[in-house]
């Protein structure tokens, strides 16, 4: 087996035909004599600059709403596809009036919602942004300022996100360009506060790749305190550590996650129990909503929320069982990023609601799981189509003359989103079952983001005890994959 040098940076314009074709606009593929990382413009700095530039373009895309679409005529924010929750919730959740989240009731501001319906860390993020928002004579100006303050804080989260993704695979920093240049990222970054949880999850993945399971757990606990989905990563990680007999590492990760989540939540849980519980009761009682498979079914049949909850849970459990079987029965242990992507995608596909910004959950995991530009662009096309579809549908339902996308067209947009996500899941599953197709493993690497799992021998497989790596398979080009040197 041949070890792989960590300083051999993979160049996407060399291994990826779409990246090579796209590079013609800036001078063509990188030459073999090019000095990479030997000057100030390192890959990470270039990626951060690209990400911040695209984030700024996303802010410009919201300009029609900033100048009035959020405030005058509710249809304008849909026809211009520039809607954001942030300015509306500044007044709608009482931040303008100085209410304390989870403690004070907000019924008089929210039109029925009793308490803030966000997890504790996201609520703290919203509160800090309100403290930083200057007072103006007019509410509209304060809402604009609140959105700008949040955009600045979310821009910091963006920088953290792409730096973490770029450094997770030591030899593949350029894969983070898939995040930095994702069109759906720019369009959805300032709709809500999801980037806080996304950046913390990316930081957790980086810590795991550095074989620091406790730090991974602490960051994943913070991410789960900001949004519920990051805790899903513990499921496939449990099965991976089971197959590799890395129970101590998993125990540290689990302990760090639970301990940190409790540390953040317990004060609110104890002293504002009703307000703290609102997020969980709202999630359970929320009716079938935009973007989900269940909405198509509900709008065509009589489909109660209770049935959608049960059906979604059953499908989620069946899908998790399938991911567990993939981990246990695949010829090689799948990479952590692959199964992390699959479990979050499964949650999105089976959930009873899909808000447009949920795509942010998947983009960094997709870049690590399937770093191929063709597939990323196909998926992003589907997500942008859905992004436009939901706003055109809302324009149709809120305008007096029904201008926009009717229900049948919106159902088609949902189907495009679902099929695009399923396509990318299928590619990831194929890579796991046939490792010779996995771009990350073609150079002999095992699991660059796997930390203690990288190169670890299997404790067992579906065929019983066997060496860490079977005989190297043949690549599609006819060569032989070189497995990396296992870490004992």
Protein backbone atom coordinates (compact mmCIF):
# COMPACT_ATOMS: atom_id res chain seq x y z
CA UNK A 1 0.00 0.00 0.00
CA UNK A 2 1.24 3.46 -0.90
CA UNK A 3 0.87 6.37 1.47
CA UNK A 4 -0.30 9.72 0.14
CA UNK A 5 1.55 12.93 0.95
CA UNK A 6 -0.62 15.53 2.69
CA UNK A 7 0.99 18.38 0.74
CA UNK A 8 -0.12 17.03 -2.66
CA UNK A 9 -3.08 19.34 -3.28
CA UNK A 10 -5.68 17.92 -5.67
CA UNK A 11 -6.41 20.34 -8.49
CA UNK A 12 -10.03 20.23 -9.68
CA UNK A 13 -9.12 21.47 -13.16
CA UNK A 14 -6.97 18.36 -13.57
CA UNK A 15 -9.39 15.70 -12.26
CA UNK A 16 -12.77 17.25 -13.11
CA UNK A 17 -13.76 17.84 -16.73
CA UNK A 18 -16.45 20.41 -15.85
CA UNK A 19 -14.04 22.40 -13.66
CA UNK A 20 -11.45 22.25 -16.45
CA UNK A 21 -13.96 23.55 -19.01
CA UNK A 22 -15.13 26.30 -16.64
CA UNK A 23 -11.55 27.40 -15.98
CA UNK A 24 -11.20 28.54 -19.60
CA UNK A 25 -12.90 31.77 -18.56
CA UNK A 26 -9.96 32.59 -16.25
CA UNK A 27 -7.06 31.28 -18.32
CA UNK A 28 -7.51 27.52 -18.44
CA UNK A 29 -6.56 24.62 -16.15
CA UNK A 30 -3.79 25.02 -13.61
CA UNK A 31 -0.45 23.91 -15.03
CA UNK A 32 1.71 21.30 -13.37
CA UNK A 33 4.45 23.88 -12.73
CA UNK A 34 2.13 26.36 -11.04
CA UNK A 35 3.08 27.27 -7.49
CA UNK A 36 0.09 26.58 -5.28
CA UNK A 37 0.13 27.78 -1.69
CA UNK A 38 3.55 29.45 -1.96
CA UNK A 39 2.23 33.00 -1.89
CA UNK A 40 -0.41 35.02 -0.08
CA UNK A 41 -3.20 33.86 -2.38
CA UNK A 42 -3.57 30.42 -0.88
CA UNK A 43 -6.54 28.21 -1.84
CA UNK A 44 -8.33 28.96 1.45
CA UNK A 45 -8.04 32.74 1.01
CA UNK A 46 -9.26 32.54 -2.58
CA UNK A 47 -12.22 30.41 -1.52
CA UNK A 48 -13.15 32.80 1.30
CA UNK A 49 -13.01 35.74 -1.11
CA UNK A 50 -15.26 33.89 -3.58
CA UNK A 51 -17.72 32.96 -0.83
CA UNK A 52 -17.95 36.51 0.52
CA UNK A 53 -18.30 37.87 -3.00
CA UNK A 54 -21.18 35.53 -3.76
CA UNK A 55 -22.75 36.32 -0.37
CA UNK A 56 -22.61 40.02 -1.28
CA UNK A 57 -24.30 39.27 -4.61
CA UNK A 58 -27.01 37.49 -2.67
CA UNK A 59 -27.51 40.64 -0.61
CA UNK A 60 -27.81 42.67 -3.81
CA UNK A 61 -30.47 40.22 -5.01
CA UNK A 62 -32.52 41.22 -1.93
CA UNK A 63 -32.30 44.93 -2.81
CA UNK A 64 -35.86 45.24 -4.24
CA UNK A 65 -37.22 43.98 -0.91
CA UNK A 66 -34.84 46.10 1.16
CA UNK A 67 -36.10 49.22 -0.61
CA UNK A 68 -39.76 48.45 -0.03
CA UNK A 69 -40.81 44.94 -0.98
CA UNK A 70 -40.76 43.78 2.64
CA UNK A 71 -42.96 46.66 3.73
CA UNK A 72 -45.28 47.80 0.92
CA UNK A 73 -47.41 45.25 -0.86
CA UNK A 74 -46.81 41.70 0.28
CA UNK A 75 -46.67 40.36 -3.28
CA UNK A 76 -43.57 42.35 -4.26
CA UNK A 77 -41.25 40.27 -2.09
CA UNK A 78 -42.46 37.16 -3.93
CA UNK A 79 -42.40 38.46 -7.49
CA UNK A 80 -38.81 39.64 -6.94
CA UNK A 81 -37.91 36.38 -5.11
CA UNK A 82 -36.24 38.39 -2.35
CA UNK A 83 -38.22 37.37 0.73
CA UNK A 84 -36.48 37.10 4.11
CA UNK A 85 -37.82 36.15 7.55
CA UNK A 86 -35.32 38.40 9.29
CA UNK A 87 -36.93 41.88 8.96
CA UNK A 88 -40.42 40.50 9.56
CA UNK A 89 -39.48 38.67 12.75
CA UNK A 90 -37.74 41.75 14.17
CA UNK A 91 -41.19 43.17 14.82
CA UNK A 92 -43.16 39.93 14.70
CA UNK A 93 -41.25 38.38 17.61
CA UNK A 94 -41.01 41.52 19.70
CA UNK A 95 -37.31 42.35 19.32
CA UNK A 96 -38.18 45.91 18.36
CA UNK A 97 -40.11 46.27 21.63
CA UNK A 98 -37.28 44.76 23.68
CA UNK A 99 -38.99 41.53 24.76
CA UNK A 100 -36.82 38.74 26.19
CA UNK A 101 -36.99 35.55 24.09
CA UNK A 102 -38.55 32.50 25.80
CA UNK A 103 -39.44 34.58 28.88
CA UNK A 104 -41.88 37.18 27.58
CA UNK A 105 -45.01 36.29 25.68
CA UNK A 106 -45.10 37.77 22.18
CA UNK A 107 -48.77 37.21 21.26
CA UNK A 108 -49.38 40.95 20.80
CA UNK A 109 -46.59 41.11 18.18
CA UNK A 110 -46.82 37.75 16.42
CA UNK A 111 -50.53 37.42 15.77
CA UNK A 112 -50.92 34.25 17.81
CA UNK A 113 -47.45 32.78 18.45
CA UNK A 114 -46.94 32.81 22.23
CA UNK A 115 -43.14 32.44 22.41
CA UNK A 116 -40.19 32.50 20.06
CA UNK A 117 -40.26 29.25 18.07
CA UNK A 118 -36.50 28.88 17.49
CA UNK A 119 -33.87 26.83 19.36
CA UNK A 120 -32.00 28.58 22.16
CA UNK A 121 -28.73 29.39 20.40
CA UNK A 122 -30.53 30.79 17.36
CA UNK A 123 -32.67 32.86 19.72
CA UNK A 124 -29.50 34.21 21.32
CA UNK A 125 -28.13 35.05 17.85
CA UNK A 126 -31.32 36.96 17.06
CA UNK A 127 -31.18 38.77 20.39
CA UNK A 128 -27.56 39.86 19.96
CA UNK A 129 -28.39 41.19 16.50
CA UNK A 130 -31.26 43.21 17.98
CA UNK A 131 -28.90 44.71 20.57
CA UNK A 132 -26.58 45.78 17.75
CA UNK A 133 -29.40 47.32 15.74
CA UNK A 134 -29.52 51.13 16.15
CA UNK A 135 -32.77 52.88 17.05
CA UNK A 136 -34.48 54.85 14.32
CA UNK A 137 -37.57 56.99 14.27
CA UNK A 138 -39.30 54.63 11.83
CA UNK A 139 -39.82 50.90 12.26
CA UNK A 140 -38.99 50.25 8.61
CA UNK A 141 -35.50 51.69 9.04
CA UNK A 142 -34.95 49.52 12.12
CA UNK A 143 -36.05 46.44 10.19
CA UNK A 144 -33.63 47.31 7.41
CA UNK A 145 -30.85 47.84 9.93
CA UNK A 146 -31.69 44.57 11.68
CA UNK A 147 -31.41 42.68 8.39
CA UNK A 148 -28.05 44.35 7.65
CA UNK A 149 -26.70 43.49 11.11
CA UNK A 150 -27.79 39.89 10.71
CA UNK A 151 -26.32 39.77 7.22
CA UNK A 152 -22.98 40.92 8.62
CA UNK A 153 -23.07 38.24 11.33
CA UNK A 154 -24.11 35.58 8.80
CA UNK A 155 -21.26 36.68 6.55
CA UNK A 156 -18.87 35.81 9.38
CA UNK A 157 -20.57 32.40 9.58
CA UNK A 158 -20.00 32.05 5.83
CA UNK A 159 -16.28 32.67 6.18
CA UNK A 160 -16.06 30.13 9.02
CA UNK A 161 -18.03 27.62 6.95
CA UNK A 162 -15.85 27.68 3.84
CA UNK A 163 -12.60 27.72 5.84
CA UNK A 164 -13.72 24.60 7.72
CA UNK A 165 -14.81 22.81 4.55
CA UNK A 166 -11.54 23.74 2.80
CA UNK A 167 -9.47 22.32 5.65
CA UNK A 168 -11.49 19.18 6.34
CA UNK A 169 -9.91 17.29 3.43
CA UNK A 170 -6.26 18.31 3.75
CA UNK A 171 -5.44 17.53 0.13
CA UNK A 172 -8.68 18.82 -1.37
CA UNK A 173 -9.15 22.45 -0.25
CA UNK A 174 -10.55 23.40 -3.65
CA UNK A 175 -13.64 21.28 -3.00
CA UNK A 176 -14.85 24.15 -0.82
CA UNK A 177 -15.39 26.14 -4.03
CA UNK A 178 -18.45 23.94 -4.51
CA UNK A 179 -19.83 25.69 -1.41
CA UNK A 180 -18.50 29.17 -2.16
CA UNK A 181 -19.92 29.25 -5.70
CA UNK A 182 -23.20 27.40 -5.11
CA UNK A 183 -26.01 29.57 -6.58
CA UNK A 184 -28.56 28.35 -4.01
CA UNK A 185 -26.16 29.41 -1.25
CA UNK A 186 -26.20 33.03 -2.38
CA UNK A 187 -29.97 33.08 -2.89
CA UNK A 188 -30.87 31.63 0.53
CA UNK A 189 -28.07 32.77 2.87
CA UNK A 190 -30.03 35.68 4.38
CA UNK A 191 -33.54 34.21 4.38
CA UNK A 192 -33.19 32.89 7.92
CA UNK A 193 -30.52 32.08 10.52
CA UNK A 194 -29.61 28.55 9.34
CA UNK A 195 -26.01 29.51 8.52
CA UNK A 196 -25.22 29.62 12.22
CA UNK A 197 -25.94 25.90 12.63
CA UNK A 198 -24.39 25.09 9.24
CA UNK A 199 -21.08 26.77 10.12
CA UNK A 200 -20.94 25.09 13.54
CA UNK A 201 -21.60 21.71 11.91
CA UNK A 202 -18.79 22.34 9.42
CA UNK A 203 -16.48 23.24 12.30
CA UNK A 204 -17.47 19.99 14.03
CA UNK A 205 -16.67 18.01 10.87
CA UNK A 206 -13.26 19.69 10.77
CA UNK A 207 -12.55 18.68 14.37
CA UNK A 208 -13.55 15.09 13.65
CA UNK A 209 -11.20 15.02 10.66
CA UNK A 210 -8.40 16.09 13.01
CA UNK A 211 -9.14 13.14 15.34
CA UNK A 212 -10.55 15.40 18.07
CA UNK A 213 -13.86 13.71 18.91
CA UNK A 214 -14.52 15.72 22.08
CA UNK A 215 -14.15 19.03 20.22
CA UNK A 216 -16.38 17.56 17.52
CA UNK A 217 -19.01 16.80 20.15
CA UNK A 218 -18.83 20.27 21.70
CA UNK A 219 -19.31 21.96 18.33
CA UNK A 220 -22.04 19.54 17.29
CA UNK A 221 -23.82 20.23 20.58
CA UNK A 222 -23.69 23.96 19.83
CA UNK A 223 -24.97 23.32 16.30
CA UNK A 224 -27.84 21.23 17.67
CA UNK A 225 -28.66 24.05 20.10
CA UNK A 226 -29.04 26.28 17.03
CA UNK A 227 -30.92 23.83 14.78
CA UNK A 228 -32.08 20.28 15.36
CA UNK A 229 -30.70 18.56 12.24
CA UNK A 230 -26.97 18.37 13.22
CA UNK A 231 -27.69 15.72 15.89
CA UNK A 232 -28.58 13.35 13.05
CA UNK A 233 -24.86 12.97 12.30
CA UNK A 234 -24.43 10.92 15.46
CA UNK A 235 -26.51 8.08 13.99
CA UNK A 236 -24.25 7.10 11.07
CA UNK A 237 -21.18 7.94 13.17
CA UNK A 238 -22.30 5.34 15.71
CA UNK A 239 -22.47 2.62 13.04
CA UNK A 240 -19.13 3.69 11.52
CA UNK A 241 -17.43 3.50 14.91
CA UNK A 242 -19.11 0.15 15.54
CA UNK A 243 -17.68 -1.29 12.33
CA UNK A 244 -14.23 0.16 13.09
CA UNK A 245 -14.33 -0.57 16.84
CA UNK A 246 -13.76 3.07 17.75
CA UNK A 247 -16.11 3.21 20.73
CA UNK A 248 -13.96 5.53 22.82
CA UNK A 249 -13.99 8.19 20.12
CA UNK A 250 -17.74 7.89 19.68
CA UNK A 251 -18.26 8.09 23.44
CA UNK A 252 -16.28 11.33 23.57
CA UNK A 253 -18.29 12.73 20.65
CA UNK A 254 -21.61 11.73 22.21
CA UNK A 255 -20.65 13.06 25.63
CA UNK A 256 -19.47 16.36 24.18
CA UNK A 257 -22.66 16.77 22.17
CA UNK A 258 -25.05 15.99 25.01
CA UNK A 259 -23.09 17.96 27.60
CA UNK A 260 -22.80 21.07 25.46
CA UNK A 261 -26.43 20.98 24.39
CA UNK A 262 -27.49 20.70 28.03
CA UNK A 263 -25.15 23.51 29.05
CA UNK A 264 -26.77 25.84 26.53
CA UNK A 265 -30.36 24.72 27.05
CA UNK A 266 -30.65 23.99 30.78
CA UNK A 267 -30.79 27.61 32.01
CA UNK A 268 -33.67 28.41 29.65
CA UNK A 269 -35.25 25.01 30.19
CA UNK A 270 -35.34 25.50 33.97
CA UNK A 271 -36.34 29.16 34.20
CA UNK A 272 -38.51 29.55 31.07
CA UNK A 273 -39.79 26.04 30.46
CA UNK A 274 -42.86 26.96 28.45
CA UNK A 275 -40.95 29.29 26.18
CA UNK A 276 -38.11 26.81 25.74
CA UNK A 277 -40.52 24.02 24.76
CA UNK A 278 -42.21 26.11 22.07
CA UNK A 279 -39.74 25.08 19.36
CA UNK A 280 -40.40 21.39 19.98
CA UNK A 281 -44.19 21.67 20.27
CA UNK A 282 -44.30 23.89 17.18
CA UNK A 283 -42.24 21.38 15.20
CA UNK A 284 -44.54 18.55 16.23
CA UNK A 285 -47.81 20.39 15.66
CA UNK A 286 -46.79 22.27 12.53
CA UNK A 287 -49.07 21.31 9.64
CA UNK A 288 -47.86 19.99 6.31
CA UNK A 289 -46.16 22.96 4.71
CA UNK A 290 -44.28 24.22 1.68
CA UNK A 291 -41.79 22.17 -0.28
CA UNK A 292 -42.55 18.69 1.00
CA UNK A 293 -43.78 15.55 -0.67
CA UNK A 294 -46.59 15.59 1.87
CA UNK A 295 -47.84 18.95 0.59
CA UNK A 296 -48.40 17.49 -2.87
CA UNK A 297 -50.33 14.62 -1.29
CA UNK A 298 -52.25 16.90 1.10
CA UNK A 299 -53.32 19.32 -1.65
CA UNK A 300 -54.57 16.46 -3.79
CA UNK A 301 -56.15 14.38 -1.01
CA UNK A 302 -57.37 14.82 2.56
CA UNK A 303 -54.14 14.11 4.40
CA UNK A 304 -54.10 15.09 8.11
CA UNK A 305 -50.97 16.35 9.87
CA UNK A 306 -50.95 13.38 12.23
CA UNK A 307 -50.71 10.99 9.30
CA UNK A 308 -47.88 13.02 7.76
CA UNK A 309 -46.00 12.92 11.07
CA UNK A 310 -46.33 9.15 11.35
CA UNK A 311 -45.53 8.50 7.69
CA UNK A 312 -42.52 10.80 7.83
CA UNK A 313 -41.16 9.11 10.96
CA UNK A 314 -41.66 5.63 9.44
CA UNK A 315 -39.88 6.60 6.22
CA UNK A 316 -37.10 8.28 8.19
CA UNK A 317 -36.56 5.16 10.30
CA UNK A 318 -36.58 2.91 7.24
CA UNK A 319 -34.10 5.19 5.52
CA UNK A 320 -31.82 5.24 8.57
CA UNK A 321 -31.93 1.44 8.62
CA UNK A 322 -30.90 1.48 4.98
CA UNK A 323 -27.97 3.81 5.71
CA UNK A 324 -26.91 1.52 8.57
CA UNK A 325 -26.99 -1.46 6.20
CA UNK A 326 -24.92 0.50 3.68
CA UNK A 327 -22.30 1.23 6.34
CA UNK A 328 -22.16 -2.39 7.51
CA UNK A 329 -22.37 -4.18 4.16
CA UNK A 330 -20.44 -1.87 1.80
CA UNK A 331 -17.20 -3.47 0.53
CA UNK A 332 -15.27 -0.66 2.20
CA UNK A 333 -16.45 1.39 5.12
CA UNK A 334 -18.15 4.50 3.63
CA UNK A 335 -16.63 7.87 4.33
CA UNK A 336 -18.14 9.86 7.20
CA UNK A 337 -19.05 12.77 4.91
CA UNK A 338 -20.95 10.42 2.61
CA UNK A 339 -23.26 9.00 5.27
CA UNK A 340 -23.59 12.40 6.98
CA UNK A 341 -24.91 13.81 3.72
CA UNK A 342 -27.26 10.86 3.25
CA UNK A 343 -28.86 11.09 6.70
CA UNK A 344 -29.48 14.86 6.45
CA UNK A 345 -30.82 14.48 2.90
CA UNK A 346 -33.11 11.72 4.15
CA UNK A 347 -34.47 14.04 6.84
CA UNK A 348 -35.12 16.74 4.25
CA UNK A 349 -36.85 14.32 1.87
CA UNK A 350 -39.17 12.88 4.54
CA UNK A 351 -39.88 16.04 6.54
CA UNK A 352 -43.30 17.71 6.34
CA UNK A 353 -41.79 21.07 5.44
CA UNK A 354 -38.91 22.22 3.22
CA UNK A 355 -38.06 25.89 3.57
CA UNK A 356 -35.84 27.20 0.74
CA UNK A 357 -32.90 27.87 3.09
CA UNK A 358 -32.75 24.21 4.15
CA UNK A 359 -30.56 23.64 1.11
CA UNK A 360 -27.78 25.27 3.17
CA UNK A 361 -27.73 22.20 5.41
CA UNK A 362 -26.72 20.00 2.49
CA UNK A 363 -24.33 22.14 0.44
CA UNK A 364 -21.16 21.69 2.59
CA UNK A 365 -21.92 18.00 3.20
CA UNK A 366 -22.46 17.49 -0.55
CA UNK A 367 -19.11 19.14 -1.31
CA UNK A 368 -17.36 16.70 1.02
CA UNK A 369 -19.40 13.66 0.02
CA UNK A 370 -19.47 14.03 -3.77
CA UNK A 371 -16.91 16.62 -4.93
CA UNK A 372 -17.86 16.52 -8.59
CA UNK A 373 -18.90 19.70 -10.38
CA UNK A 374 -21.29 18.04 -12.84
CA UNK A 375 -23.45 16.48 -10.15
CA UNK A 376 -23.31 19.58 -7.96
CA UNK A 377 -24.49 21.76 -10.85
CA UNK A 378 -27.35 19.39 -11.69
CA UNK A 379 -28.50 19.45 -8.07
CA UNK A 380 -28.09 23.22 -7.78
CA UNK A 381 -30.14 23.74 -10.93
CA UNK A 382 -32.96 21.78 -9.30
CA UNK A 383 -32.68 23.81 -6.07
CA UNK A 384 -32.68 27.16 -7.88
CA UNK A 385 -35.76 25.99 -9.83
CA UNK A 386 -37.48 25.25 -6.54
CA UNK A 387 -36.35 28.58 -5.05
CA UNK A 388 -38.02 30.44 -7.91
CA UNK A 389 -41.02 28.12 -7.87
CA UNK A 390 -42.02 28.73 -4.25
CA UNK A 391 -41.93 32.51 -4.58
CA UNK A 392 -43.86 32.45 -7.84
CA UNK A 393 -46.45 30.19 -6.20
CA UNK A 394 -46.79 32.56 -3.25
CA UNK A 395 -47.12 35.44 -5.70
CA UNK A 396 -49.94 33.52 -7.39
CA UNK A 397 -51.78 32.83 -4.14
CA UNK A 398 -51.43 36.38 -2.75
CA UNK A 399 -52.08 38.48 -5.85
CA UNK A 400 -55.57 39.57 -6.82
CA UNK A 401 -55.20 38.56 -10.48
CA UNK A 402 -53.37 35.26 -9.77
CA UNK A 403 -50.12 36.22 -11.49
CA UNK A 404 -47.42 33.65 -10.84
CA UNK A 405 -47.16 29.89 -10.65
CA UNK A 406 -50.36 27.88 -10.07
CA UNK A 407 -50.55 24.87 -7.79
CA UNK A 408 -49.73 22.33 -10.51
CA UNK A 409 -46.61 24.24 -11.46
CA UNK A 410 -45.53 24.47 -7.83
CA UNK A 411 -45.98 20.72 -7.42
CA UNK A 412 -43.67 20.28 -10.40
CA UNK A 413 -41.08 22.55 -8.71
CA UNK A 414 -41.28 20.42 -5.55
CA UNK A 415 -40.81 17.28 -7.64
CA UNK A 416 -37.74 18.80 -9.32
CA UNK A 417 -36.23 19.55 -5.90
CA UNK A 418 -36.97 16.03 -4.63
CA UNK A 419 -35.60 14.34 -7.75
CA UNK A 420 -32.45 16.49 -7.72
CA UNK A 421 -31.74 15.55 -4.10
CA UNK A 422 -32.47 11.88 -4.82
CA UNK A 423 -30.09 11.99 -7.79
CA UNK A 424 -27.24 13.27 -5.66
CA UNK A 425 -28.05 10.69 -2.98
CA UNK A 426 -27.90 7.98 -5.64
CA UNK A 427 -24.44 9.13 -6.73
CA UNK A 428 -23.19 9.09 -3.14
CA UNK A 429 -24.59 5.59 -2.57
CA UNK A 430 -22.93 4.37 -5.76
CA UNK A 431 -19.59 5.78 -4.59
CA UNK A 432 -19.99 3.95 -1.29
CA UNK A 433 -20.82 0.64 -2.97
CA UNK A 434 -18.21 1.03 -5.70
CA UNK A 435 -15.30 2.98 -4.15
CA UNK A 436 -13.39 3.11 -7.44
CA UNK A 437 -15.89 5.78 -8.56
CA UNK A 438 -15.24 7.94 -5.48
CA UNK A 439 -13.12 10.95 -6.46
CA UNK A 440 -11.75 11.28 -2.94
CA UNK A 441 -10.51 7.68 -2.83
CA UNK A 442 -9.04 7.42 -6.31
CA UNK A 443 -5.60 8.52 -5.12
CA UNK A 444 -5.43 5.86 -2.42
CA UNK A 445 -6.98 7.87 0.40
CA UNK A 446 -9.33 6.11 2.78
CA UNK A 447 -11.44 8.72 4.59
CA UNK A 448 -9.69 12.11 4.80
CA UNK A 449 -12.51 13.55 6.90
CA UNK A 450 -12.81 10.41 9.01
CA UNK A 451 -10.37 11.27 11.78
CA UNK A 452 -9.90 8.14 13.90
CA UNK A 453 -11.76 6.20 11.19
CA UNK A 454 -9.25 7.12 8.47
CA UNK A 455 -7.36 3.93 7.64
CA UNK A 456 -8.74 2.07 10.64
CA UNK A 457 -9.16 -1.69 10.13
CA UNK A 458 -12.66 -3.12 10.29
CA UNK A 459 -13.55 -4.95 13.47
CA UNK A 460 -16.05 -6.90 11.37
CA UNK A 461 -17.93 -6.74 8.08
CA UNK A 462 -20.86 -8.60 6.65
CA UNK A 463 -18.41 -11.43 5.90
CA UNK A 464 -16.95 -11.54 9.38
CA UNK A 465 -13.44 -10.50 10.41
CA UNK A 466 -11.12 -9.44 7.62
CA UNK A 467 -8.23 -7.02 6.95
CA UNK A 468 -8.77 -3.29 6.88
CA UNK A 469 -8.71 -3.16 3.08
CA UNK A 470 -9.54 -5.80 0.48
CA UNK A 471 -7.61 -6.17 -2.75
CA UNK A 472 -7.57 -2.83 -4.60
CA UNK A 473 -10.31 -2.58 -7.23
CA UNK A 474 -9.78 -1.47 -10.79
CA UNK A 475 -10.66 2.15 -11.57
CA UNK A 476 -12.89 3.02 -14.55
CA UNK A 477 -9.75 4.15 -16.37
CA UNK A 478 -8.14 0.74 -15.93
CA UNK A 479 -5.70 1.67 -13.16
CA UNK A 480 -5.49 0.34 -9.63
CA UNK A 481 -6.61 2.27 -6.57
CA UNK A 482 -3.86 2.68 -3.98
CA UNK A 483 -5.23 2.37 -0.47
CA UNK A 484 -3.78 4.77 2.07
CA UNK A 485 -1.67 3.52 4.95
CA UNK A 486 -3.95 2.50 7.82
CA UNK A 487 -3.67 4.28 11.15
CA UNK A 488 -3.60 1.85 14.06
